[in-house]
N, C-alpha and C. Protein backbone atom coordinates (compact mmCIF):
# COMPACT_ATOMS: atom_id res chain seq x y z
N MET A 1 84.86 47.06 101.76
CA MET A 1 84.61 46.61 102.97
C MET A 1 83.78 47.76 103.99
N ALA A 2 82.59 47.63 104.14
CA ALA A 2 81.44 48.25 104.77
C ALA A 2 82.34 48.80 106.06
N ASP A 3 81.67 50.10 106.51
CA ASP A 3 82.39 50.65 107.80
C ASP A 3 82.48 49.70 108.66
N ASN A 4 81.28 49.38 109.13
CA ASN A 4 80.94 48.49 110.29
C ASN A 4 81.55 47.44 110.07
N ASN A 5 81.86 46.60 109.21
CA ASN A 5 82.98 45.68 109.09
C ASN A 5 84.29 45.96 109.36
N LEU A 6 84.76 46.85 108.81
CA LEU A 6 86.26 47.52 109.04
C LEU A 6 85.99 47.62 110.43
N GLU A 7 85.22 48.57 111.20
CA GLU A 7 85.64 48.78 112.71
C GLU A 7 85.29 47.23 113.50
N LYS A 8 84.50 46.34 112.98
CA LYS A 8 84.66 45.25 113.87
C LYS A 8 86.45 44.45 113.58
N TYR A 9 86.67 44.22 112.08
CA TYR A 9 87.98 43.84 112.03
C TYR A 9 89.18 44.42 112.68
N LEU A 10 89.12 46.00 112.97
CA LEU A 10 90.24 46.38 113.29
C LEU A 10 90.25 46.21 114.99
N LYS A 11 89.28 45.99 115.61
CA LYS A 11 89.02 46.19 116.97
C LYS A 11 89.60 44.52 117.01
N GLY A 12 89.37 43.62 116.24
CA GLY A 12 89.56 42.20 116.71
C GLY A 12 91.13 41.60 116.10
N ILE A 13 91.52 42.80 115.43
CA ILE A 13 93.43 42.78 115.44
C ILE A 13 94.02 43.71 116.27
N GLY A 14 92.97 44.39 117.32
CA GLY A 14 93.60 45.35 118.46
C GLY A 14 93.73 46.65 118.21
N ILE A 15 92.93 47.44 117.31
CA ILE A 15 93.16 48.60 117.05
C ILE A 15 91.52 49.37 117.56
N GLU A 16 91.85 49.93 118.42
CA GLU A 16 90.58 50.50 119.01
C GLU A 16 90.18 51.66 118.00
N VAL A 17 88.92 52.03 117.90
CA VAL A 17 88.27 53.06 116.93
C VAL A 17 88.00 54.18 117.96
N ASP A 18 88.43 55.42 117.73
CA ASP A 18 87.95 56.44 118.27
C ASP A 18 86.71 56.91 118.04
N ASP A 19 85.49 57.18 118.92
CA ASP A 19 84.12 57.30 118.97
C ASP A 19 83.94 58.44 117.94
N GLU A 20 84.56 59.61 118.22
CA GLU A 20 84.53 60.77 117.64
C GLU A 20 84.84 60.69 116.02
N ALA A 21 85.60 59.69 115.77
CA ALA A 21 86.59 59.25 114.29
C ALA A 21 85.37 58.55 113.58
N LYS A 22 84.74 57.71 114.19
CA LYS A 22 83.58 57.02 114.07
C LYS A 22 82.26 57.76 113.30
N ILE A 23 81.86 58.76 114.15
CA ILE A 23 81.23 59.97 113.83
C ILE A 23 81.57 60.53 112.54
N GLN A 24 82.44 60.86 112.48
CA GLN A 24 83.08 61.59 111.63
C GLN A 24 83.14 60.99 110.05
N GLU A 25 83.37 59.68 110.18
CA GLU A 25 83.71 58.72 109.21
C GLU A 25 82.57 58.58 108.07
N ALA A 26 81.30 58.46 108.41
CA ALA A 26 80.42 58.33 107.62
C ALA A 26 79.12 59.57 107.52
N PRO A 27 79.34 60.69 106.57
CA PRO A 27 78.03 61.29 106.88
C PRO A 27 76.81 60.74 106.69
N ALA A 28 75.66 61.06 107.24
CA ALA A 28 74.44 60.66 107.27
C ALA A 28 74.00 60.41 105.53
N VAL A 29 73.26 59.26 105.62
CA VAL A 29 72.91 59.11 104.40
C VAL A 29 71.55 59.09 104.13
N HIS A 30 70.71 60.05 103.38
CA HIS A 30 69.21 60.03 103.39
C HIS A 30 68.87 59.22 102.35
N GLU A 31 68.48 57.84 102.69
CA GLU A 31 68.37 57.12 101.14
C GLU A 31 67.27 57.56 100.40
N GLU A 32 66.32 58.30 100.38
CA GLU A 32 65.22 58.88 99.61
C GLU A 32 65.96 59.67 98.63
N GLU A 33 66.88 60.67 99.01
CA GLU A 33 67.84 61.62 98.48
C GLU A 33 68.88 61.04 97.71
N VAL A 34 69.43 60.02 97.94
CA VAL A 34 70.55 59.55 97.45
C VAL A 34 70.35 58.40 96.32
N GLN A 35 69.01 57.91 96.30
CA GLN A 35 68.59 56.73 95.45
C GLN A 35 68.94 57.25 93.75
N ASN A 36 68.57 58.38 93.57
CA ASN A 36 68.48 58.54 92.30
C ASN A 36 69.89 58.65 91.56
N PHE A 37 70.98 59.12 92.54
CA PHE A 37 72.22 59.26 92.22
C PHE A 37 72.94 57.94 92.03
N ASN A 38 72.46 57.17 93.28
CA ASN A 38 73.12 55.71 93.04
C ASN A 38 72.66 55.19 92.12
N THR A 39 71.27 54.93 91.80
CA THR A 39 70.96 54.22 90.40
C THR A 39 71.82 54.58 89.47
N GLU A 40 71.81 56.16 89.04
CA GLU A 40 72.57 56.66 87.75
C GLU A 40 74.10 56.33 87.50
N VAL A 41 74.68 56.41 88.76
CA VAL A 41 76.34 55.98 89.24
C VAL A 41 76.16 54.70 88.54
N GLU A 42 75.62 53.63 89.15
CA GLU A 42 75.33 52.01 88.93
C GLU A 42 75.08 51.84 87.69
N LEU A 43 74.16 52.73 87.08
CA LEU A 43 73.93 52.19 85.52
C LEU A 43 75.36 52.75 84.79
N LEU A 44 75.68 53.52 84.89
CA LEU A 44 77.18 54.05 84.43
C LEU A 44 77.97 53.06 84.20
N ALA A 45 78.23 52.67 85.59
CA ALA A 45 79.33 51.61 85.79
C ALA A 45 79.23 50.26 85.19
N GLN A 46 78.15 50.08 84.88
CA GLN A 46 77.53 48.95 84.17
C GLN A 46 78.09 48.75 82.58
N ASP A 47 77.99 50.10 82.25
CA ASP A 47 78.29 50.30 80.91
C ASP A 47 79.22 51.50 80.78
N PRO A 48 80.19 51.50 81.34
CA PRO A 48 80.64 53.03 80.95
C PRO A 48 81.49 53.53 79.75
N ASN A 49 81.32 52.37 78.83
CA ASN A 49 81.55 52.53 77.39
C ASN A 49 80.44 53.69 76.74
N ALA A 50 79.33 53.31 77.16
CA ALA A 50 78.23 54.09 76.47
C ALA A 50 78.08 55.74 77.04
N VAL A 51 79.20 55.98 77.93
CA VAL A 51 79.25 57.51 78.47
C VAL A 51 79.93 58.46 77.27
N ARG A 52 79.39 59.43 76.90
CA ARG A 52 79.99 60.08 75.96
C ARG A 52 80.67 61.26 76.85
N ILE A 53 81.87 61.86 76.41
CA ILE A 53 82.60 63.12 76.96
C ILE A 53 83.10 64.11 76.26
N ASP A 54 83.26 65.08 76.66
CA ASP A 54 84.12 66.23 75.73
C ASP A 54 85.47 65.84 75.70
N THR A 55 85.94 65.60 74.34
CA THR A 55 87.21 65.11 74.00
C THR A 55 88.13 66.17 74.16
N GLU A 56 88.17 67.57 73.99
CA GLU A 56 88.94 68.58 74.06
C GLU A 56 89.68 68.55 75.49
N GLY A 57 90.56 69.29 75.22
CA GLY A 57 91.74 69.20 76.44
C GLY A 57 92.62 68.27 76.87
N ASP A 58 93.75 68.56 77.76
CA ASP A 58 94.39 67.37 78.65
C ASP A 58 93.37 66.35 79.54
N PHE A 59 94.08 65.29 79.91
CA PHE A 59 93.12 64.46 80.92
C PHE A 59 92.64 65.18 81.72
N ALA A 60 93.36 66.25 82.55
CA ALA A 60 92.76 66.82 83.66
C ALA A 60 91.79 67.75 83.35
N GLU A 61 91.37 68.35 82.22
CA GLU A 61 90.27 69.36 81.72
C GLU A 61 89.30 68.22 81.48
N ARG A 62 89.37 67.20 80.84
CA ARG A 62 88.35 66.12 80.56
C ARG A 62 87.76 65.42 81.88
N CYS A 63 88.43 65.39 82.56
CA CYS A 63 88.05 64.87 84.12
C CYS A 63 87.43 65.84 84.76
N GLU A 64 87.56 67.02 84.67
CA GLU A 64 87.00 68.01 85.45
C GLU A 64 85.66 68.42 84.90
N SER A 65 85.72 68.08 83.31
CA SER A 65 84.46 68.27 82.96
C SER A 65 83.30 67.31 83.01
N PHE A 66 83.88 66.24 83.09
CA PHE A 66 83.09 64.95 83.37
C PHE A 66 82.39 64.96 84.27
N LEU A 67 83.25 65.40 85.24
CA LEU A 67 82.65 65.00 87.07
C LEU A 67 81.80 66.40 87.17
N VAL A 68 81.96 67.44 87.06
CA VAL A 68 81.31 68.90 87.11
C VAL A 68 79.90 68.72 86.31
N ASN A 69 79.85 68.15 84.96
CA ASN A 69 78.56 67.74 84.26
C ASN A 69 77.87 66.65 85.01
N LEU A 70 78.59 65.83 85.56
CA LEU A 70 77.62 64.71 85.87
C LEU A 70 77.07 65.01 87.25
N LEU A 71 77.75 65.79 88.23
CA LEU A 71 77.35 66.11 89.31
C LEU A 71 76.14 67.44 89.43
N LEU A 72 76.59 68.51 88.29
CA LEU A 72 75.41 69.19 88.35
C LEU A 72 73.94 68.55 87.87
N ASN A 73 73.65 67.30 87.51
CA ASN A 73 72.32 66.75 87.28
C ASN A 73 71.71 66.43 88.63
N PHE A 74 72.48 66.30 89.53
CA PHE A 74 71.93 66.33 90.95
C PHE A 74 72.22 67.15 91.96
N ASP A 75 73.09 68.04 92.12
CA ASP A 75 72.96 69.15 93.14
C ASP A 75 73.84 70.12 92.18
N PRO A 76 73.52 71.06 92.06
CA PRO A 76 74.54 72.14 91.65
C PRO A 76 75.52 72.85 92.57
N ALA A 77 75.07 72.85 93.89
CA ALA A 77 75.78 72.83 95.16
C ALA A 77 77.38 72.52 95.16
N TYR A 78 77.29 71.05 94.13
CA TYR A 78 78.62 70.33 94.17
C TYR A 78 79.72 71.28 93.76
N ALA A 79 80.99 71.18 94.08
CA ALA A 79 82.03 71.92 93.12
C ALA A 79 83.20 70.43 93.17
N VAL A 80 84.16 70.50 92.05
CA VAL A 80 85.15 69.88 91.98
C VAL A 80 86.22 70.82 91.84
N GLU A 81 87.17 70.04 92.81
CA GLU A 81 88.69 70.50 92.92
C GLU A 81 89.68 69.52 92.47
N LEU A 82 90.79 69.60 91.43
CA LEU A 82 91.63 68.63 91.32
C LEU A 82 93.22 68.95 91.23
N HIS A 83 93.86 68.15 91.31
CA HIS A 83 95.62 68.63 91.18
C HIS A 83 96.15 67.03 90.85
N ARG A 84 97.40 67.32 90.06
CA ARG A 84 97.84 66.09 89.74
C ARG A 84 98.90 65.71 91.18
N THR A 85 98.71 64.54 91.33
CA THR A 85 99.81 64.03 92.57
C THR A 85 101.16 63.17 91.59
N ASP A 86 101.08 62.93 90.81
CA ASP A 86 102.05 62.39 89.94
C ASP A 86 101.75 62.27 88.31
N GLN A 87 102.57 61.67 87.75
CA GLN A 87 102.53 61.63 86.28
C GLN A 87 101.13 60.70 85.69
N ASP A 88 100.91 59.42 86.64
CA ASP A 88 100.05 58.85 86.56
C ASP A 88 98.67 58.90 87.46
N GLU A 89 98.60 60.07 88.02
CA GLU A 89 97.50 59.95 89.11
C GLU A 89 96.91 61.46 89.34
N ILE A 90 95.76 61.61 89.27
CA ILE A 90 94.85 62.83 89.37
C ILE A 90 94.22 62.84 90.64
N ALA A 91 94.44 63.58 91.73
CA ALA A 91 93.56 63.85 93.03
C ALA A 91 92.33 64.46 92.77
N VAL A 92 91.34 64.12 93.02
CA VAL A 92 90.00 65.22 92.82
C VAL A 92 89.31 64.91 94.19
N GLU A 93 89.14 66.33 94.74
CA GLU A 93 88.32 66.42 96.15
C GLU A 93 86.87 67.22 95.44
N ILE A 94 86.04 66.47 95.95
CA ILE A 94 84.40 66.99 95.60
C ILE A 94 83.69 67.39 97.15
N PHE A 95 83.75 68.61 96.92
CA PHE A 95 83.11 69.58 98.20
C PHE A 95 81.62 70.32 98.08
N GLY A 96 81.02 70.73 98.81
CA GLY A 96 79.70 71.60 98.82
C GLY A 96 78.78 70.31 98.58
N GLY A 97 77.41 70.89 99.08
CA GLY A 97 76.33 69.77 98.75
C GLY A 97 76.52 69.02 100.12
N ASP A 98 75.57 67.57 100.02
CA ASP A 98 75.78 66.69 101.01
C ASP A 98 76.90 65.36 100.61
N PRO A 99 77.89 65.35 101.39
CA PRO A 99 78.99 64.38 100.92
C PRO A 99 78.47 62.99 101.42
N GLY A 100 77.31 62.63 101.88
CA GLY A 100 76.73 61.51 102.35
C GLY A 100 76.15 60.98 100.99
N LYS A 101 75.49 62.01 100.08
CA LYS A 101 74.83 61.30 98.60
C LYS A 101 76.14 60.65 97.93
N ILE A 102 77.07 60.96 97.87
CA ILE A 102 78.36 60.59 97.01
C ILE A 102 78.71 59.45 97.61
N ILE A 103 79.13 59.78 98.98
CA ILE A 103 79.66 58.81 99.40
C ILE A 103 79.02 57.15 99.68
N GLY A 104 77.68 57.37 99.82
CA GLY A 104 76.87 56.20 99.79
C GLY A 104 77.05 55.08 100.78
N ARG A 105 76.26 54.41 101.35
CA ARG A 105 76.72 53.62 102.28
C ARG A 105 77.83 52.85 102.07
N GLY A 106 78.71 52.69 103.24
CA GLY A 106 79.95 52.02 102.98
C GLY A 106 80.87 52.44 101.95
N GLY A 107 80.68 53.59 101.71
CA GLY A 107 81.39 54.16 100.59
C GLY A 107 81.24 53.58 98.79
N ARG A 108 79.89 52.85 98.82
CA ARG A 108 79.75 52.12 97.83
C ARG A 108 79.70 52.68 96.31
N THR A 109 78.77 54.03 96.86
CA THR A 109 78.50 55.06 95.80
C THR A 109 79.90 55.64 95.24
N LEU A 110 80.74 56.07 95.96
CA LEU A 110 81.82 56.55 95.84
C LEU A 110 82.57 55.74 95.13
N SER A 111 82.90 54.56 95.45
CA SER A 111 83.46 53.47 94.27
C SER A 111 83.31 53.50 93.14
N ALA A 112 81.91 53.48 93.03
CA ALA A 112 81.18 53.39 91.97
C ALA A 112 81.54 54.67 90.98
N LEU A 113 81.24 55.53 91.67
CA LEU A 113 81.67 56.85 90.52
C LEU A 113 83.38 56.85 90.49
N GLU A 114 84.03 56.55 91.08
CA GLU A 114 85.57 56.55 90.83
C GLU A 114 85.86 55.45 89.76
N TYR A 115 85.23 54.30 89.94
CA TYR A 115 85.03 53.35 88.84
C TYR A 115 84.58 53.76 87.43
N VAL A 116 83.37 54.51 87.32
CA VAL A 116 83.15 55.33 86.14
C VAL A 116 84.24 55.93 85.58
N ALA A 117 84.44 57.12 86.47
CA ALA A 117 85.39 57.94 85.88
C ALA A 117 86.67 57.52 84.93
N ASN A 118 87.25 56.22 85.81
CA ASN A 118 88.58 56.11 85.49
C ASN A 118 88.31 55.03 84.01
N ALA A 119 87.02 54.53 84.15
CA ALA A 119 86.98 53.92 82.98
C ALA A 119 86.56 54.47 81.74
N VAL A 120 85.69 55.50 81.85
CA VAL A 120 85.27 56.48 81.16
C VAL A 120 86.37 57.60 80.65
N LEU A 121 87.35 58.20 81.30
CA LEU A 121 88.68 58.65 80.76
C LEU A 121 89.86 58.22 80.48
N ASN A 122 89.99 56.97 80.68
CA ASN A 122 90.83 56.06 80.39
C ASN A 122 90.56 55.37 78.85
N ARG A 123 89.38 55.57 78.68
CA ARG A 123 89.14 54.53 77.08
C ARG A 123 89.62 55.45 76.17
N GLY A 124 90.37 54.51 75.33
CA GLY A 124 91.08 54.45 74.18
C GLY A 124 92.42 55.25 74.62
N ASP A 125 92.94 55.85 75.91
CA ASP A 125 94.06 56.62 75.85
C ASP A 125 95.22 55.44 75.96
N GLN A 126 96.35 56.12 75.52
CA GLN A 126 97.65 54.78 75.51
C GLN A 126 97.89 54.75 76.79
N GLN A 127 98.11 55.74 77.82
CA GLN A 127 98.84 55.88 79.31
C GLN A 127 97.58 55.89 80.02
N ASP A 128 97.34 54.93 81.03
CA ASP A 128 96.28 55.07 82.10
C ASP A 128 96.75 55.94 82.67
N VAL A 129 95.79 56.73 83.33
CA VAL A 129 95.92 57.94 84.48
C VAL A 129 94.83 57.69 85.35
N ARG A 130 95.21 57.27 86.78
CA ARG A 130 94.34 56.87 87.92
C ARG A 130 93.76 58.28 88.61
N VAL A 131 92.33 57.89 88.62
CA VAL A 131 91.78 59.48 89.07
C VAL A 131 91.10 58.68 90.57
N ASN A 132 91.59 59.52 91.36
CA ASN A 132 91.19 59.47 92.74
C ASN A 132 90.37 60.50 93.27
N ILE A 133 89.43 59.84 93.78
CA ILE A 133 88.34 60.91 94.10
C ILE A 133 88.04 60.56 95.58
N ASP A 134 87.73 61.90 96.38
CA ASP A 134 87.57 61.94 97.58
C ASP A 134 86.79 62.66 97.96
N VAL A 135 85.75 62.79 98.99
CA VAL A 135 84.96 63.48 99.31
C VAL A 135 84.91 64.03 101.00
N GLY A 136 85.06 65.18 101.42
CA GLY A 136 85.25 65.48 102.76
C GLY A 136 86.19 64.85 103.45
N GLY A 137 87.51 64.30 102.97
CA GLY A 137 88.05 63.57 103.66
C GLY A 137 88.09 62.01 103.98
N TYR A 138 87.03 61.42 103.65
CA TYR A 138 86.57 60.27 104.30
C TYR A 138 87.46 58.88 103.53
N LYS A 139 88.14 59.14 102.43
CA LYS A 139 88.68 58.30 102.00
C LYS A 139 90.13 58.16 102.54
N ARG A 140 90.46 59.65 102.72
CA ARG A 140 91.81 59.63 103.63
C ARG A 140 91.36 58.86 105.15
N ARG A 141 90.77 58.89 106.03
CA ARG A 141 90.16 58.70 107.06
C ARG A 141 90.32 57.13 106.68
N ARG A 142 89.63 56.74 105.92
CA ARG A 142 89.23 55.23 105.56
C ARG A 142 91.05 54.31 105.04
N ASP A 143 91.50 54.88 104.55
CA ASP A 143 92.86 54.93 104.01
C ASP A 143 93.81 54.77 105.30
N GLU A 144 93.84 55.49 106.01
CA GLU A 144 94.84 55.85 107.26
C GLU A 144 94.09 54.34 108.06
N ARG A 145 93.20 54.11 108.40
CA ARG A 145 92.60 53.09 109.04
C ARG A 145 93.01 51.42 108.42
N LEU A 146 92.95 51.74 107.27
CA LEU A 146 93.03 50.23 106.89
C LEU A 146 94.90 49.90 106.53
N ARG A 147 95.51 51.30 106.76
CA ARG A 147 96.87 51.34 106.47
C ARG A 147 97.58 50.74 108.18
N ASN A 148 96.79 51.31 108.79
CA ASN A 148 97.12 50.87 110.50
C ASN A 148 96.84 49.28 110.42
N ALA A 149 95.69 48.94 109.99
CA ALA A 149 95.27 47.32 110.13
C ALA A 149 96.28 46.66 109.50
N ALA A 150 96.84 47.31 108.31
CA ALA A 150 98.03 46.32 107.58
C ALA A 150 99.01 46.21 108.05
N ARG A 151 99.40 47.49 108.96
CA ARG A 151 100.81 47.30 109.77
C ARG A 151 100.68 46.40 110.93
N LYS A 152 99.55 46.41 111.57
CA LYS A 152 99.21 45.74 112.79
C LYS A 152 99.23 44.24 112.18
N ALA A 153 99.06 43.72 111.29
CA ALA A 153 98.75 42.42 110.56
C ALA A 153 100.00 42.14 110.27
N ALA A 154 100.93 42.81 110.04
CA ALA A 154 102.22 42.33 109.47
C ALA A 154 102.89 42.00 110.60
N GLY A 155 103.11 43.12 111.85
CA GLY A 155 103.31 42.73 113.02
C GLY A 155 102.81 41.23 113.81
N ARG A 156 102.03 40.96 113.48
CA ARG A 156 101.34 39.64 113.97
C ARG A 156 101.78 38.51 113.16
N VAL A 157 102.28 38.67 111.96
CA VAL A 157 102.73 37.73 111.02
C VAL A 157 104.48 37.60 111.30
N ARG A 158 104.90 39.02 111.71
CA ARG A 158 106.35 38.80 112.44
C ARG A 158 106.51 37.73 113.43
N ASP A 159 105.65 38.13 114.47
CA ASP A 159 105.50 37.76 115.24
C ASP A 159 105.22 35.92 115.62
N THR A 160 104.17 35.47 114.71
CA THR A 160 103.69 34.19 114.85
C THR A 160 104.45 33.40 113.87
N GLY A 161 105.16 33.99 112.82
CA GLY A 161 105.59 33.28 111.37
C GLY A 161 104.63 32.77 110.80
N GLN A 162 103.40 33.07 110.95
CA GLN A 162 102.21 32.52 110.13
C GLN A 162 101.46 33.39 109.38
N GLN A 163 100.96 33.08 108.15
CA GLN A 163 100.13 33.69 107.42
C GLN A 163 98.64 34.61 108.09
N PHE A 164 98.48 35.64 107.44
CA PHE A 164 97.39 36.11 108.51
C PHE A 164 96.36 36.41 107.11
N PRO A 165 95.26 36.15 107.17
CA PRO A 165 93.98 36.80 105.94
C PRO A 165 93.37 37.84 106.40
N LEU A 166 93.17 38.93 105.73
CA LEU A 166 92.48 40.02 106.01
C LEU A 166 91.32 39.92 105.69
N GLU A 167 90.26 40.69 106.03
CA GLU A 167 88.84 40.82 105.68
C GLU A 167 88.24 41.26 104.04
N LEU A 168 87.69 40.92 103.44
CA LEU A 168 87.21 40.61 102.42
C LEU A 168 87.33 42.43 102.34
N MET A 169 87.66 42.71 101.12
CA MET A 169 88.07 44.20 100.61
C MET A 169 87.65 44.67 99.13
N THR A 170 87.39 45.54 99.03
CA THR A 170 87.65 46.24 97.45
C THR A 170 88.49 46.49 96.74
N ALA A 171 88.79 46.48 95.58
CA ALA A 171 90.09 46.58 94.82
C ALA A 171 90.84 47.47 95.17
N ALA A 172 90.04 48.83 95.55
CA ALA A 172 90.78 49.90 95.83
C ALA A 172 91.25 49.84 97.61
N GLU A 173 90.28 49.36 98.12
CA GLU A 173 90.94 48.98 99.75
C GLU A 173 92.17 48.07 99.68
N ARG A 174 92.25 46.98 98.50
CA ARG A 174 93.31 46.09 98.57
C ARG A 174 94.52 46.76 98.26
N ARG A 175 94.41 47.86 97.33
CA ARG A 175 95.69 48.56 96.57
C ARG A 175 96.35 49.23 98.10
N VAL A 176 95.19 49.99 98.76
CA VAL A 176 96.02 50.61 99.96
C VAL A 176 96.84 49.73 100.84
N VAL A 177 95.86 48.43 101.05
CA VAL A 177 97.11 47.63 101.97
C VAL A 177 98.19 47.28 101.08
N HIS A 178 98.41 46.89 100.03
CA HIS A 178 99.40 46.37 99.14
C HIS A 178 100.61 47.43 99.22
N MET A 179 100.22 48.80 99.21
CA MET A 179 101.00 49.81 99.28
C MET A 179 101.53 50.14 100.58
N ALA A 180 100.80 49.75 101.84
CA ALA A 180 100.94 50.05 102.95
C ALA A 180 102.28 49.03 103.47
N LEU A 181 102.40 47.76 102.84
CA LEU A 181 103.30 46.88 103.39
C LEU A 181 104.44 46.44 101.98
N ALA A 182 104.47 47.42 100.99
CA ALA A 182 105.41 47.23 100.10
C ALA A 182 106.65 47.33 100.37
N ASP A 183 107.04 48.06 101.29
CA ASP A 183 108.53 48.19 101.83
C ASP A 183 108.65 47.87 102.92
N ASP A 184 107.82 46.69 103.36
CA ASP A 184 108.06 45.85 104.34
C ASP A 184 109.14 44.52 104.08
N ALA A 185 110.19 44.27 104.15
CA ALA A 185 110.79 43.24 103.57
C ALA A 185 110.62 42.02 104.50
N SER A 186 109.77 42.35 105.76
CA SER A 186 109.54 40.90 106.36
C SER A 186 108.19 40.15 106.27
N VAL A 187 107.57 41.05 105.10
CA VAL A 187 106.34 40.07 104.83
C VAL A 187 106.30 40.23 103.44
N ILE A 188 105.15 39.62 102.75
CA ILE A 188 104.51 39.83 101.53
C ILE A 188 102.79 39.66 101.67
N THR A 189 102.43 40.46 100.49
CA THR A 189 101.28 40.28 100.48
C THR A 189 100.53 39.85 98.85
N GLU A 190 99.38 39.03 98.95
CA GLU A 190 98.98 38.47 97.78
C GLU A 190 97.69 38.26 98.31
N SER A 191 96.64 38.72 97.14
CA SER A 191 95.12 38.66 97.06
C SER A 191 94.95 37.33 96.29
N GLU A 192 94.16 36.91 97.39
CA GLU A 192 93.26 35.58 96.80
C GLU A 192 92.00 35.42 96.84
N GLY A 193 91.44 34.80 96.18
CA GLY A 193 89.67 34.72 95.71
C GLY A 193 89.30 35.17 94.42
N GLN A 194 88.16 35.11 94.43
CA GLN A 194 87.56 35.60 93.11
C GLN A 194 86.29 36.41 93.53
N GLY A 195 86.33 37.77 92.59
CA GLY A 195 85.32 38.77 92.52
C GLY A 195 85.19 39.42 93.99
N ARG A 196 83.77 39.16 94.47
CA ARG A 196 83.70 40.07 96.06
C ARG A 196 84.43 39.17 96.88
N ASP A 197 84.84 37.92 96.83
CA ASP A 197 85.18 36.99 97.78
C ASP A 197 86.72 37.13 97.73
N ARG A 198 87.19 38.76 97.19
CA ARG A 198 88.78 38.41 97.22
C ARG A 198 89.38 39.27 98.22
N ARG A 199 90.23 38.73 99.02
CA ARG A 199 90.82 39.39 99.86
C ARG A 199 92.37 39.38 100.20
N ILE A 200 93.15 40.00 100.72
CA ILE A 200 94.67 40.02 101.07
C ILE A 200 95.25 38.98 102.19
N VAL A 201 96.12 38.51 101.91
CA VAL A 201 96.79 37.55 102.87
C VAL A 201 97.90 37.77 102.83
N VAL A 202 98.42 38.13 104.26
CA VAL A 202 99.80 38.81 104.68
C VAL A 202 100.71 37.30 104.98
N LYS A 203 101.95 37.15 104.71
CA LYS A 203 102.79 36.15 104.50
C LYS A 203 104.20 36.62 105.06
N PRO A 204 104.57 35.62 105.64
CA PRO A 204 105.92 36.09 105.67
C PRO A 204 106.74 35.66 104.21
N ALA A 205 107.76 36.82 104.87
CA ALA A 205 108.75 37.03 103.29
C ALA A 205 109.39 35.53 102.97
């Protein structure tokens, strides 16, 4: 979901967006500067099986090597820091350089980069490890806004007894909403639709 659509949706269900937070949410994106990066990442996303990586080391070492080498092609100012959050997930923070280049408009480039990293690094592995990439706290702020929207929607479902469809979201955004309401026994969340028309519907349990 693009940031402007998310903002409209949050306002529609009664959540006001702080002006300062909006300014911080999406760093400036310079179209000419990000075009090459966007194109490269999109091409990789179309065929991640064609990407060759160093197979030496454990998963975390291969992840760091892959991302460092990819980012060095665009700006040596970028640096990568990562740590395991649990057995099945690695959190990656990219800092330095221009965060807007990696985030892209509406977070699309960052989503594509995360998809590529997961597809390439889990190729052939028996156990999938999720790579969660963030830049300058962008996803943390976005995810918190999504969790707020999910809780607000759940409250509306409890009050009305009627199901409530959320806006169209990416797979990563839908995952945040599912997780946000997983422990709420009063509602259930189901994904409906196909492809880019897929959305979450919050329903009474």
